C-alpha atoms as a PDB file:
ATOM      1  CA  MET A   1      -0.116  -0.058   0.243  1.00  0.00           C
ATOM      2  CA  GLU A   2       1.156   3.354  -0.606  1.00  0.00           C
ATOM      3  CA  ILE A   3       1.264   6.180   1.856  1.00  0.00           C
ATOM      4  CA  SER A   4       0.431   9.611   1.106  1.00  0.00           C
ATOM      5  CA  LYS A   5       2.877  12.698   1.929  1.00  0.00           C
ATOM      6  CA  LYS A   6      -0.117  13.936   3.946  1.00  0.00           C
ATOM      7  CA  LEU A   7      -1.132  10.795   5.780  1.00  0.00           C
ATOM      8  CA  ALA A   8       2.681   9.973   6.355  1.00  0.00           C
ATOM      9  CA  SER A   9       2.665  14.100   7.856  1.00  0.00           C
ATOM     10  CA  GLN A  10       0.154  13.188  10.428  1.00  0.00           C
ATOM     11  CA  ILE A  11       1.586  10.152  11.919  1.00  0.00           C
ATOM     12  CA  VAL A  12       5.027  11.905  12.582  1.00  0.00           C
ATOM     13  CA  GLU A  13       2.932  14.593  14.314  1.00  0.00           C
ATOM     14  CA  VAL A  14       1.089  12.281  16.189  1.00  0.00           C
ATOM     15  CA  VAL A  15       4.242  10.370  16.934  1.00  0.00           C
ATOM     16  CA  TYR A  16       5.780  13.627  18.539  1.00  0.00           C
ATOM     17  CA  GLU A  17       2.992  14.466  20.605  1.00  0.00           C
ATOM     18  CA  VAL A  18       3.822  11.135  22.286  1.00  0.00           C
ATOM     19  CA  VAL A  19       7.628  10.837  22.267  1.00  0.00           C
ATOM     20  CA  LYS A  20       8.386  14.713  21.876  1.00  0.00           C
ATOM     21  CA  LYS A  21      11.358  13.293  19.823  1.00  0.00           C
ATOM     22  CA  ASP A  22      11.806  14.150  16.019  1.00  0.00           C
ATOM     23  CA  THR A  23      10.015  11.460  14.323  1.00  0.00           C
ATOM     24  CA  ASN A  24      10.107  10.371  10.273  1.00  0.00           C
ATOM     25  CA  LEU A  25       8.345   8.031   8.442  1.00  0.00           C
ATOM     26  CA  ILE A  26      10.204   5.883   5.852  1.00  0.00           C
ATOM     27  CA  GLN A  27       9.210   4.009   3.167  1.00  0.00           C
ATOM     28  CA  PRO A  28      10.654   0.604   2.000  1.00  0.00           C
ATOM     29  CA  SER A  29      13.037   2.244  -0.441  1.00  0.00           C
ATOM     30  CA  GLY A  30      14.453   3.880   2.541  1.00  0.00           C
ATOM     31  CA  LEU A  31      13.436   7.402   1.376  1.00  0.00           C
ATOM     32  CA  ILE A  32      11.887   9.928   4.242  1.00  0.00           C
ATOM     33  CA  ILE A  33       8.577  10.775   2.847  1.00  0.00           C
ATOM     34  CA  GLY A  34       7.018  12.432   6.703  1.00  0.00           C
ATOM     35  CA  SER A  35       9.510  14.279   9.204  1.00  0.00           C
ATOM     36  CA  THR A  36       9.182  16.361  11.881  1.00  0.00           C
ATOM     37  CA  ASP A  37      12.720  18.010  10.797  1.00  0.00           C
ATOM     38  CA  ARG A  38      11.119  18.856   7.592  1.00  0.00           C
ATOM     39  CA  SER A  39      14.654  19.243   6.137  1.00  0.00           C
ATOM     40  CA  ARG A  40      14.863  15.665   6.247  1.00  0.00           C
ATOM     41  CA  ILE A  41      12.344  14.770   4.200  1.00  0.00           C
ATOM     42  CA  GLY A  42      13.268  13.306   0.592  1.00  0.00           C
ATOM     43  CA  THR A  43      16.207  11.887   1.741  1.00  0.00           C
ATOM     44  CA  TYR A  44      17.396   8.712   2.189  1.00  0.00           C
ATOM     45  CA  HIS A  45      17.741   6.508   5.708  1.00  0.00           C
ATOM     46  CA  THR A  46      19.202   3.537   5.605  1.00  0.00           C
ATOM     47  CA  ALA A  47      18.449   2.006   8.954  1.00  0.00           C
ATOM     48  CA  GLY A  48      14.596   2.411   8.291  1.00  0.00           C
ATOM     49  CA  ALA A  49      15.365   0.415   5.147  1.00  0.00           C
ATOM     50  CA  TYR A  50      17.202  -2.011   6.834  1.00  0.00           C
ATOM     51  CA  ALA A  51      14.098  -2.169   9.860  1.00  0.00           C
ATOM     52  CA  ILE A  52      11.882  -3.127   6.845  1.00  0.00           C
ATOM     53  CA  THR A  53      13.716  -5.766   5.041  1.00  0.00           C
ATOM     54  CA  GLN A  54      14.489  -7.294   8.021  1.00  0.00           C
ATOM     55  CA  GLY A  55      10.981  -6.812   9.896  1.00  0.00           C
ATOM     56  CA  LEU A  56      12.961  -6.193  13.040  1.00  0.00           C
ATOM     57  CA  PRO A  57      14.025  -2.838  15.185  1.00  0.00           C
ATOM     58  CA  VAL A  58      16.906  -0.985  14.259  1.00  0.00           C
ATOM     59  CA  SER A  59      18.866   1.165  16.601  1.00  0.00           C
ATOM     60  CA  VAL A  60      21.346   3.512  15.630  1.00  0.00           C
ATOM     61  CA  ASP A  61      23.891   4.573  17.854  1.00  0.00           C
ATOM     62  CA  LYS A  62      27.633   4.833  17.970  1.00  0.00           C
ATOM     63  CA  GLU A  63      28.504   1.455  18.135  1.00  0.00           C
ATOM     64  CA  HIS A  64      25.643   0.910  15.569  1.00  0.00           C
ATOM     65  CA  PRO A  65      26.132   3.692  12.654  1.00  0.00           C
ATOM     66  CA  PHE A  66      24.044   4.152   9.449  1.00  0.00           C
ATOM     67  CA  GLN A  67      24.452   6.007   6.596  1.00  0.00           C
ATOM     68  CA  GLY A  68      21.740   8.942   6.658  1.00  0.00           C
ATOM     69  CA  ALA A  69      20.740   7.931  10.086  1.00  0.00           C
ATOM     70  CA  ARG A  70      20.735   9.817  13.389  1.00  0.00           C
ATOM     71  CA  GLU A  71      20.896   8.504  17.036  1.00  0.00           C
ATOM     72  CA  GLY A  72      17.348   6.635  17.404  1.00  0.00           C
ATOM     73  CA  ILE A  73      15.376   3.509  17.086  1.00  0.00           C
ATOM     74  CA  ASN A  74      13.506   2.250  13.574  1.00  0.00           C
ATOM     75  CA  TYR A  75      10.707   0.232  14.001  1.00  0.00           C
ATOM     76  CA  PRO A  76       9.127  -1.933  10.973  1.00  0.00           C
ATOM     77  CA  ILE A  77       5.611  -1.343  10.743  1.00  0.00           C
ATOM     78  CA  PHE A  78       3.198  -4.104   9.535  1.00  0.00           C
ATOM     79  CA  LEU A  79       0.034  -4.259   7.580  1.00  0.00           C
ATOM     80  CA  ASP A  80      -1.175  -7.676   6.567  1.00  0.00           C
ATOM     81  CA  ASN A  81       1.816  -9.292   7.895  1.00  0.00           C
ATOM     82  CA  GLN A  82       4.042  -7.436   5.673  1.00  0.00           C
ATOM     83  CA  ALA A  83       6.482  -4.791   6.930  1.00  0.00           C
ATOM     84  CA  ILE A  84       5.215  -1.685   4.553  1.00  0.00           C
ATOM     85  CA  ALA A  85       7.365   1.166   6.564  1.00  0.00           C
ATOM     86  CA  ALA A  86       8.947   2.187   9.454  1.00  0.00           C
ATOM     87  CA  ILE A  87       8.720   4.674  12.046  1.00  0.00           C
ATOM     88  CA  GLY A  88      12.004   6.149  13.143  1.00  0.00           C
ATOM     89  CA  ILE A  89      12.790   8.318  16.411  1.00  0.00           C
ATOM     90  CA  THR A  90      15.702  10.462  17.001  1.00  0.00           C
ATOM     91  CA  GLY A  91      17.329  10.115  20.550  1.00  0.00           C
ATOM     92  CA  ASN A  92      18.556   7.617  22.820  1.00  0.00           C
ATOM     93  CA  PRO A  93      17.364   3.891  21.393  1.00  0.00           C
ATOM     94  CA  GLU A  94      17.340   2.788  25.115  1.00  0.00           C
ATOM     95  CA  GLU A  95      15.014   5.569  26.375  1.00  0.00           C
ATOM     96  CA  LEU A  96      12.945   5.142  23.167  1.00  0.00           C
ATOM     97  CA  LYS A  97      12.186   1.557  23.153  1.00  0.00           C
ATOM     98  CA  ALA A  98       9.187   2.374  26.140  1.00  0.00           C
ATOM     99  CA  TYR A  99       6.992   3.491  23.390  1.00  0.00           C
ATOM    100  CA  GLY A 100       8.031   0.745  20.917  1.00  0.00           C
ATOM    101  CA  PHE A 101       4.544  -0.672  21.053  1.00  0.00           C
ATOM    102  CA  LEU A 102       2.274   2.352  21.095  1.00  0.00           C
ATOM    103  CA  ILE A 103       4.320   4.379  18.473  1.00  0.00           C
ATOM    104  CA  THR A 104       3.768   1.042  16.013  1.00  0.00           C
ATOM    105  CA  LYS A 105       0.194   0.540  17.149  1.00  0.00           C
ATOM    106  CA  ILE A 106      -0.479   4.451  16.710  1.00  0.00           C
ATOM    107  CA  THR A 107       0.986   4.011  13.019  1.00  0.00           C
ATOM    108  CA  GLU A 108      -0.767   1.132  12.261  1.00  0.00           C
ATOM    109  CA  VAL A 109      -4.307   2.201  13.363  1.00  0.00           C
ATOM    110  CA  PHE A 110      -3.635   5.294  10.465  1.00  0.00           C
ATOM    111  CA  LEU A 111      -2.573   3.011   8.125  1.00  0.00           C
ATOM    112  CA  LYS A 112      -5.455   0.687   8.832  1.00  0.00           C
ATOM    113  CA  GLU A 113      -8.032   3.800   8.452  1.00  0.00           C
ATOM    114  CA  GLN A 114      -6.608   4.731   4.724  1.00  0.00           C
ATOM    115  CA  LYS A 115      -6.428   1.008   3.842  1.00  0.00           C
ATOM    116  CA  LEU A 116     -10.102   0.803   4.817  1.00  0.00           C
ATOM    117  CA  ASN A 117     -10.849   4.316   3.024  1.00  0.00           C
ATOM    118  CA  GLN A 118      -9.280   2.910  -0.071  1.00  0.00           C
ATOM    119  CA  GLU A 119     -11.110  -0.266  -0.214  1.00  0.00           C
ATOM    120  CA  MET A 120     -14.377   1.864   0.184  1.00  0.00           C
ATOM    121  CA  LEU A 121     -13.501   4.305  -2.368  1.00  0.00           C
ATOM    122  CA  SER A 122     -12.636   1.724  -4.789  1.00  0.00           C
ATOM    123  CA  LYS A 123     -15.995  -0.360  -4.240  1.00  0.00           C
ATOM    124  CA  ASP A 124     -17.688   2.886  -4.409  1.00  0.00           C
ATOM    125  CA  ARG A 125     -16.152   3.634  -7.894  1.00  0.00           C
ATOM    126  CA  ALA A 126     -16.685   0.089  -8.752  1.00  0.00           C
ATOM    127  CA  LEU A 127     -20.691   0.512  -7.869  1.00  0.00           C
ATOM    128  CA  HIS A 128     -20.743   3.814  -9.388  1.00  0.00           C
ATOM    129  CA  TYR A 129     -19.376   2.231 -12.599  1.00  0.00           C
ATOM    130  CA  LEU A 130     -21.656  -0.763 -12.659  1.00  0.00           C
ATOM    131  CA  ILE A 131     -24.936   1.604 -11.720  1.00  0.00           C
ATOM    132  CA  THR A 132     -24.336   4.544 -14.426  1.00  0.00           C
ATOM    133  CA  SER A 133     -23.093   1.898 -16.851  1.00  0.00           C
ATOM    134  CA  LEU A 134     -26.604   0.470 -16.991  1.00  0.00           C
ATOM    135  CA  ILE A 135     -29.186   3.459 -16.302  1.00  0.00           C
ATOM    136  CA  TYR A 136     -27.225   5.412 -19.168  1.00  0.00           C
ATOM    137  CA  ASP A 137     -26.791   2.169 -21.127  1.00  0.00           C
ATOM    138  CA  ASN A 138     -23.458   3.278 -21.853  1.00  0.00           C
ATOM    139  CA  ILE A 139     -20.517   0.499 -21.005  1.00  0.00           C
ATOM    140  CA  PRO A 140     -17.163   1.516 -21.636  1.00  0.00           C
ATOM    141  CA  ASN A 141     -15.635  -1.376 -20.805  1.00  0.00           C
ATOM    142  CA  GLN A 142     -17.044  -4.943 -21.441  1.00  0.00           C
ATOM    143  CA  THR A 143     -14.707  -6.572 -19.191  1.00  0.00           C
ATOM    144  CA  GLN A 144     -15.225  -4.778 -16.503  1.00  0.00           C
ATOM    145  CA  PHE A 145     -18.800  -4.580 -16.818  1.00  0.00           C
ATOM    146  CA  ASP A 146     -19.098  -8.252 -16.723  1.00  0.00           C
ATOM    147  CA  ALA A 147     -16.733  -8.711 -13.812  1.00  0.00           C
ATOM    148  CA  LEU A 148     -19.027  -6.535 -11.625  1.00  0.00           C
ATOM    149  CA  ILE A 149     -22.225  -8.102 -12.953  1.00  0.00           C
ATOM    150  CA  GLN A 150     -20.735 -11.320 -11.471  1.00  0.00           C
ATOM    151  CA  GLU A 151     -19.214  -9.936  -8.263  1.00  0.00           C
ATOM    152  CA  TYR A 152     -23.047  -8.260  -7.164  1.00  0.00           C
ATOM    153  CA  GLU A 153     -24.856 -11.547  -8.562  1.00  0.00           C
ATOM    154  CA  LEU A 154     -26.609  -9.847 -10.826  1.00  0.00           C
ATOM    155  CA  ASP A 155     -29.021 -12.008 -13.040  1.00  0.00           C
ATOM    156  CA  PRO A 156     -29.050 -10.162 -16.940  1.00  0.00           C
ATOM    157  CA  SER A 157     -32.430 -12.807 -17.031  1.00  0.00           C
ATOM    158  CA  SER A 158     -34.288 -11.116 -14.444  1.00  0.00           C
ATOM    159  CA  ASP A 159     -36.377  -7.763 -14.001  1.00  0.00           C
ATOM    160  CA  TYR A 160     -35.084  -4.446 -11.927  1.00  0.00           C
ATOM    161  CA  ALA A 161     -36.282  -1.281 -11.685  1.00  0.00           C
ATOM    162  CA  ALA A 162     -35.046   1.761 -11.144  1.00  0.00           C
ATOM    163  CA  LEU A 163     -35.858   4.302  -8.016  1.00  0.00           C
ATOM    164  CA  SER A 164     -34.599   7.748  -8.462  1.00  0.00           C
ATOM    165  CA  ILE A 165     -35.152   9.682  -5.659  1.00  0.00           C
ATOM    166  CA  ARG A 166     -34.355  14.004  -5.160  1.00  0.00           C
ATOM    167  CA  PHE A 167     -33.483  15.513  -2.152  1.00  0.00           C
ATOM    168  CA  GLN A 168     -31.994  19.177  -1.521  1.00  0.00           C
ATOM    169  CA  ASP A 169     -30.565  18.223   2.426  1.00  0.00           C
ATOM    170  CA  ALA A 170     -26.996  17.077   1.614  1.00  0.00           C
ATOM    171  CA  SER A 171     -26.949  15.333   5.162  1.00  0.00           C
ATOM    172  CA  LEU A 172     -29.981  13.105   3.969  1.00  0.00           C
ATOM    173  CA  GLU A 173     -27.348  10.881   1.896  1.00  0.00           C
ATOM    174  CA  PRO A 174     -25.940   8.778   4.704  1.00  0.00           C
ATOM    175  CA  SER A 175     -29.382   8.218   5.723  1.00  0.00           C
ATOM    176  CA  LEU A 176     -30.266   7.227   2.468  1.00  0.00           C
ATOM    177  CA  ARG A 177     -27.153   5.055   2.573  1.00  0.00           C
ATOM    178  CA  PHE A 178     -27.964   3.247   5.675  1.00  0.00           C
ATOM    179  CA  TYR A 179     -31.828   2.967   4.552  1.00  0.00           C
ATOM    180  CA  PHE A 180     -31.367   0.729   1.476  1.00  0.00           C
ATOM    181  CA  ALA A 181     -28.466  -1.300   2.944  1.00  0.00           C
ATOM    182  CA  SER A 182     -31.149  -1.786   6.196  1.00  0.00           C
ATOM    183  CA  ILE A 183     -33.247  -3.649   3.644  1.00  0.00           C
ATOM    184  CA  GLY A 184     -30.623  -5.224   1.737  1.00  0.00           C
ATOM    185  CA  CYS A 185     -30.584  -3.152  -1.928  1.00  0.00           C
ATOM    186  CA  PRO A 186     -26.614  -3.028  -2.694  1.00  0.00           C
ATOM    187  CA  LEU A 187     -27.423  -1.279  -5.438  1.00  0.00           C
ATOM    188  CA  SER A 188     -27.836   1.642  -3.964  1.00  0.00           C
ATOM    189  CA  LEU A 189     -25.798   5.419  -4.997  1.00  0.00           C
ATOM    190  CA  TYR A 190     -25.530   8.569  -4.809  1.00  0.00           C
ATOM    191  CA  LEU A 191     -25.402  11.015  -7.989  1.00  0.00           C
ATOM    192  CA  TYR A 192     -24.012  14.312  -7.698  1.00  0.00           C
ATOM    193  CA  PRO A 193     -25.617  16.764  -6.950  1.00  0.00           C
ATOM    194  CA  ASN A 194     -28.726  15.669  -5.440  1.00  0.00           C
ATOM    195  CA  GLU A 195     -30.126  12.451  -6.295  1.00  0.00           C
ATOM    196  CA  TRP A 196     -29.900   8.634  -5.076  1.00  0.00           C
ATOM    197  CA  VAL A 197     -30.387   6.164  -6.917  1.00  0.00           C
ATOM    198  CA  VAL A 198     -31.575   2.377  -6.279  1.00  0.00           C
ATOM    199  CA  LEU A 199     -32.014  -0.616  -8.778  1.00  0.00           C
ATOM    200  CA  PHE A 200     -34.428  -3.206  -7.447  1.00  0.00           C
ATOM    201  CA  HIS A 201     -34.301  -6.769  -7.901  1.00  0.00           C
ATOM    202  CA  ARG A 202     -38.050  -8.012  -7.505  1.00  0.00           C
ATOM    203  CA  THR A 203     -36.936 -10.141  -4.432  1.00  0.00           C
ATOM    204  CA  GLN A 204     -35.219  -7.049  -3.185  1.00  0.00           C
ATOM    205  CA  PHE A 205     -38.472  -4.849  -3.311  1.00  0.00           C
ATOM    206  CA  GLU A 206     -40.482  -6.820  -1.571  1.00  0.00           C
ATOM    207  CA  ARG A 207     -38.430  -5.320   1.436  1.00  0.00           C
ATOM    208  CA  PHE A 208     -39.379  -1.741   0.235  1.00  0.00           C
ATOM    209  CA  HIS A 209     -42.380  -0.320   1.798  1.00  0.00           C
ATOM    210  CA  PRO A 210     -43.321   2.982  -0.194  1.00  0.00           C
ATOM    211  CA  ASP A 211     -45.528   4.151   2.569  1.00  0.00           C
ATOM    212  CA  ASP A 212     -42.931   3.183   5.102  1.00  0.00           C
ATOM    213  CA  PHE A 213     -40.498   5.557   2.962  1.00  0.00           C
ATOM    214  CA  SER A 214     -42.705   8.221   2.509  1.00  0.00           C
ATOM    215  CA  ALA A 215     -43.201   8.488   6.356  1.00  0.00           C
ATOM    216  CA  ARG A 216     -39.386   8.352   7.053  1.00  0.00           C
ATOM    217  CA  TYR A 217     -38.603  11.422   4.819  1.00  0.00           C
ATOM    218  CA  GLN A 218     -41.781  13.331   4.535  1.00  0.00           C
ATOM    219  CA  GLY A 219     -41.377  16.616   3.012  1.00  0.00           C
ATOM    220  CA  SER A 220     -37.607  15.930   2.736  1.00  0.00           C
ATOM    221  CA  VAL A 221     -37.247  14.128  -0.733  1.00  0.00           C
ATOM    222  CA  ALA A 222     -39.591  13.154  -4.153  1.00  0.00           C
ATOM    223  CA  ALA A 223     -38.838   9.694  -5.159  1.00  0.00           C
ATOM    224  CA  GLY A 224     -40.160   8.025  -8.423  1.00  0.00           C
ATOM    225  CA  LEU A 225     -40.096   4.563  -9.269  1.00  0.00           C
ATOM    226  CA  GLY A 226     -39.840   2.998 -12.928  1.00  0.00           C
ATOM    227  CA  ASP A 227     -41.184  -0.225 -14.262  1.00  0.00           C
ATOM    228  CA  PHE A 228     -39.038  -3.833 -13.696  1.00  0.00           C
ATOM    229  CA  VAL A 229     -37.659  -4.724 -16.951  1.00  0.00           C
ATOM    230  CA  PRO A 230     -34.745  -7.166 -18.144  1.00  0.00           C
ATOM    231  CA  LEU A 231     -31.604  -5.738 -16.537  1.00  0.00           C
ATOM    232  CA  TYR A 232     -30.014  -4.504 -19.254  1.00  0.00           C
ATOM    233  CA  GLN A 233     -32.893  -2.402 -20.522  1.00  0.00           C
ATOM    234  CA  ILE A 234     -33.024  -0.828 -17.015  1.00  0.00           C
ATOM    235  CA  CYS A 235     -31.875   2.549 -18.699  1.00  0.00           C
ATOM    236  CA  ARG A 236     -35.864   2.616 -19.773  1.00  0.00           C
ATOM    237  CA  SER A 237     -36.798   2.003 -16.113  1.00  0.00           C
ATOM    238  CA  TYR A 238     -34.750   4.890 -14.825  1.00  0.00           C
ATOM    239  CA  ALA A 239     -36.291   7.354 -17.569  1.00  0.00           C
ATOM    240  CA  ASN A 240     -39.774   6.419 -16.435  1.00  0.00           C
ATOM    241  CA  ALA A 241     -38.539   6.720 -12.656  1.00  0.00           C
ATOM    242  CA  ARG A 242     -37.042  10.466 -13.319  1.00  0.00           C
ATOM    243  CA  ILE A 243     -40.956  10.923 -14.913  1.00  0.00           C
ATOM    244  CA  ALA A 244     -42.727   9.543 -11.965  1.00  0.00           C
ATOM    245  CA  ARG A 245     -39.794  11.878  -9.551  1.00  0.00           C
ATOM    246  CA  LYS A 246     -41.144  15.323 -11.473  1.00  0.00           C
ATOM    247  CA  HIS A 247     -44.678  14.145 -11.174  1.00  0.00           C
ATOM    248  CA  ALA A 248     -44.357  13.478  -7.581  1.00  0.00           C
ATOM    249  CA  GLN A 249     -42.469  17.201  -7.319  1.00  0.00           C
ATOM    250  CA  SER A 250     -45.384  18.682  -9.015  1.00  0.00           C
ATOM    251  CA  GLN A 251     -47.689  17.203  -6.719  1.00  0.00           C
ATOM    252  CA  GLN A 252     -45.735  17.701  -3.602  1.00  0.00           C
ATOM    253  CA  LEU A 253     -45.887  13.828  -2.862  1.00  0.00           C
ATOM    254  CA  ASP A 254     -42.717  12.255  -1.283  1.00  0.00           C
ATOM    255  CA  PHE A 255     -42.899   8.781  -3.862  1.00  0.00           C
ATOM    256  CA  CYS A 256     -44.511   8.142  -6.895  1.00  0.00           C
ATOM    257  CA  ASP A 257     -44.965   4.856  -9.134  1.00  0.00           C
ATOM    258  CA  ILE A 258     -44.880   5.103 -12.916  1.00  0.00           C
ATOM    259  CA  GLN A 259     -47.596   2.333 -12.291  1.00  0.00           C
ATOM    260  CA  ASP A 260     -49.995   5.031 -11.121  1.00  0.00           C
ATOM    261  CA  ILE A 261     -50.191   6.720 -14.706  1.00  0.00           C
ATOM    262  CA  SER A 262     -52.896   9.112 -16.081  1.00  0.00           C
ATOM    263  CA  ILE A 263     -53.231  11.555 -18.817  1.00  0.00           C
ATOM    264  CA  GLU A 264     -52.055  14.441 -16.170  1.00  0.00           C
ATOM    265  CA  PHE A 265     -48.956  11.956 -15.626  1.00  0.00           C
ATOM    266  CA  LEU A 266     -47.908  11.932 -19.254  1.00  0.00           C
ATOM    267  CA  ILE A 267     -48.477  15.563 -19.777  1.00  0.00           C
ATOM    268  CA  GLU A 268     -45.723  16.654 -17.152  1.00  0.00           C
ATOM    269  CA  SER A 269     -43.555  14.348 -19.538  1.00  0.00           C
ATOM    270  CA  ILE A 270     -44.015  16.904 -22.677  1.00  0.00           C
ATOM    271  CA  PRO A 271     -41.905  19.848 -22.569  1.00  0.00           C
ATOM    272  CA  VAL A 272     -43.630  23.151 -21.784  1.00  0.00           C
ATOM    273  CA  ASP A 273     -42.631  24.832 -24.709  1.00  0.00           C
ATOM    274  CA  MET A 274     -44.265  22.042 -26.750  1.00  0.00           C
ATOM    275  CA  LYS A 275     -47.182  22.489 -24.357  1.00  0.00           C
ATOM    276  CA  ASN A 276     -48.021  25.923 -24.444  1.00  0.00           C
ATOM    277  CA  ILE A 277     -47.701  25.772 -28.240  1.00  0.00           C
ATOM    278  CA  TYR A 278     -50.505  22.919 -28.687  1.00  0.00           C
ATOM    279  CA  ALA A 279     -52.594  24.868 -26.193  1.00  0.00           C
ATOM    280  CA  SER A 280     -52.297  27.995 -27.847  1.00  0.00           C
ATOM    281  CA  ARG A 281     -53.007  26.986 -31.083  1.00  0.00           C
ATOM    282  CA  VAL A 282     -56.284  24.727 -29.697  1.00  0.00           C
ATOM    283  CA  LEU A 283     -57.652  27.012 -27.226  1.00  0.00           C
ATOM    284  CA  GLY A 284     -55.890  30.604 -28.283  1.00  0.00           C
ATOM    285  CA  LYS A 285     -59.184  32.586 -29.917  1.00  0.00           C
ATOM    286  CA  LEU A 286     -61.445  31.181 -27.040  1.00  0.00           C
ATOM    287  CA  THR A 287     -61.998  34.088 -24.180  1.00  0.00           C
ATOM    288  CA  GLU A 288     -61.519  33.280 -20.057  1.00  0.00           C
ATOM    289  CA  LYS A 289     -65.751  32.516 -20.517  1.00  0.00           C
ATOM    290  CA  GLU A 290     -65.705  30.188 -23.379  1.00  0.00           C
ATOM    291  CA  ARG A 291     -62.345  28.426 -21.755  1.00  0.00           C
ATOM    292  CA  SER A 292     -64.467  27.694 -18.121  1.00  0.00           C
ATOM    293  CA  ILE A 293     -67.585  26.903 -20.086  1.00  0.00           C
ATOM    294  CA  LEU A 294     -65.496  24.129 -22.231  1.00  0.00           C
ATOM    295  CA  LEU A 295     -64.103  22.964 -19.037  1.00  0.00           C
ATOM    296  CA  SER A 296     -67.387  22.252 -17.083  1.00  0.00           C
ATOM    297  CA  TYR A 297     -68.399  21.089 -20.200  1.00  0.00           C
ATOM    298  CA  LEU A 298     -66.286  18.255 -20.031  1.00  0.00           C
ATOM    299  CA  SER A 299     -65.953  17.881 -16.767  1.00  0.00           C
ATOM    300  CA  ASN A 300     -69.956  16.680 -16.577  1.00  0.00           C
ATOM    301  CA  ASN A 301     -68.663  14.084 -18.964  1.00  0.00           C
ATOM    302  CA  LEU A 302     -70.475  15.847 -22.137  1.00  0.00           C
ATOM    303  CA  ALA A 303     -73.965  16.278 -20.486  1.00  0.00           C
ATOM    304  CA  LEU A 304     -75.702  19.263 -21.082  1.00  0.00           C
ATOM    305  CA  LYS A 305     -78.048  19.274 -18.370  1.00  0.00           C
ATOM    306  CA  GLU A 306     -75.990  18.574 -15.864  1.00  0.00           C
ATOM    307  CA  THR A 307     -73.803  21.603 -17.053  1.00  0.00           C
ATOM    308  CA  ALA A 308     -76.503  23.968 -17.526  1.00  0.00           C
ATOM    309  CA  GLU A 309     -77.363  23.653 -14.008  1.00  0.00           C
ATOM    310  CA  GLN A 310     -73.749  24.090 -12.939  1.00  0.00           C
ATOM    311  CA  LEU A 311     -73.317  27.248 -15.004  1.00  0.00           C
ATOM    312  CA  PHE A 312     -76.646  28.225 -14.232  1.00  0.00           C
ATOM    313  CA  ILE A 313     -77.823  28.962 -17.886  1.00  0.00           C
ATOM    314  CA  HIS A 314     -80.098  27.415 -19.953  1.00  0.00           C
ATOM    315  CA  LYS A 315     -79.700  24.269 -22.171  1.00  0.00           C
ATOM    316  CA  ASN A 316     -79.933  26.262 -25.671  1.00  0.00           C
ATOM    317  CA  THR A 317     -77.679  29.405 -24.142  1.00  0.00           C
ATOM    318  CA  LEU A 318     -74.828  26.302 -23.472  1.00  0.00           C
ATOM    319  CA  GLN A 319     -75.589  25.039 -26.928  1.00  0.00           C
ATOM    320  CA  TYR A 320     -74.917  28.538 -28.790  1.00  0.00           C
ATOM    321  CA  GLN A 321     -71.776  28.743 -26.383  1.00  0.00           C
ATOM    322  CA  LEU A 322     -70.494  25.446 -27.559  1.00  0.00           C
ATOM    323  CA  ASP A 323     -71.489  26.359 -31.281  1.00  0.00           C
ATOM    324  CA  ARG A 324     -69.128  28.917 -30.816  1.00  0.00           C
ATOM    325  CA  ILE A 325     -66.217  27.029 -29.397  1.00  0.00           C
ATOM    326  CA  ALA A 326     -66.520  24.353 -32.119  1.00  0.00           C
ATOM    327  CA  GLU A 327     -66.199  27.516 -34.846  1.00  0.00           C
ATOM    328  CA  LYS A 328     -63.526  28.750 -33.167  1.00  0.00           C
ATOM    329  CA  THR A 329     -61.422  25.822 -32.916  1.00  0.00           C
ATOM    330  CA  ASN A 330     -62.343  23.606 -35.409  1.00  0.00           C
ATOM    331  CA  LEU A 331     -62.981  20.860 -32.923  1.00  0.00           C
ATOM    332  CA  ASN A 332     -66.601  20.322 -32.009  1.00  0.00           C
ATOM    333  CA  PRO A 333     -67.287  19.436 -27.995  1.00  0.00           C
ATOM    334  CA  ARG A 334     -70.080  17.491 -28.821  1.00  0.00           C
ATOM    335  CA  HIS A 335     -67.793  14.818 -30.532  1.00  0.00           C
ATOM    336  CA  PHE A 336     -65.554  12.221 -28.349  1.00  0.00           C
ATOM    337  CA  GLN A 337     -62.917  12.692 -30.084  1.00  0.00           C
ATOM    338  CA  ASP A 338     -62.756  16.306 -30.561  1.00  0.00           C
ATOM    339  CA  ALA A 339     -63.666  16.615 -27.148  1.00  0.00           C
ATOM    340  CA  PHE A 340     -60.513  14.300 -25.919  1.00  0.00           C
ATOM    341  CA  LEU A 341     -58.204  17.158 -28.080  1.00  0.00           C
ATOM    342  CA  LEU A 342     -59.578  19.922 -26.273  1.00  0.00           C
ATOM    343  CA  ASN A 343     -59.651  18.428 -23.142  1.00  0.00           C
ATOM    344  CA  PHE A 344     -55.713  17.837 -23.803  1.00  0.00           C
ATOM    345  CA  ALA A 345     -55.312  21.160 -24.470  1.00  0.00           C
ATOM    346  CA  LEU A 346     -56.576  22.394 -21.519  1.00  0.00           C
ATOM    347  CA  LEU A 347     -54.719  19.926 -19.502  1.00  0.00           C
ATOM    348  CA  CYS A 348     -51.440  21.252 -21.226  1.00  0.00           C
ATOM    349  CA  LYS A 349     -52.222  25.013 -19.855  1.00  0.00           C
END
């Protein structure tokens, strides 16, 4: 494992606080990469290199001189049963031996933490590569992708669904990570800047309860669930999940399933400028009063009597208004197909 210069600096500073002696961190090559004596960084330390190769503490004194080394003691640092560095303390070796166990353990703790962080980062990168390759339908490296499919035990013949979650409070990220891990969903990932994506297998989805999720994150998220599709078509499910999520946002909901589809739902997926163009073309010549009459007529399922009563007008007056609407729009609201197009235009407003 390669030790960063930043970590080396942290280690020698902490050890110095314990022993109050100049401290060096030495690579297997003998190069000092961290020291409380800045002038020694980048110089060669033969005693430290020897301690690493022998796997034993090496003292430096008048009877045991080493090139590039001052009086002191050098302890090999082990990780996974391998000597990967040495920690060298300047001073009387006999006096410093009392600190040997403590300073080696301090150093090992730092190195184990770095290794764990690197492993977690590597795992996160692999997961990010796998999920983004699937949801964006873009696989840069097929060999690496196939290896990850096997590692995560994904079945290309099984169905999966995507969940897209939008959140504004960045502090929710660890909570979402914990939540999906707790219900056994390993394909769970944060996407910058404010999206969380989950890929569900059907068996995993059985452990996800939308009502519980909504109660847990009420008012903090907008989530959309796509449909179940074969693994290599998950990009389609993700696209639908984003549509469902946008619907949840517009309706101030915490969760929405693409299966709960409606015409309003579909309209939301149409670009705003296209909706405005269509609504203007169909309804542009109508007055606000005529639009209100049309909306009431359509809401009453094209029933003249109920519409006239609701509007407090005579049926003949309503008939006249409907004729005017038909003349202006070239669509007869009494005919089902034309009524649908008129209703669609109203929904686009």
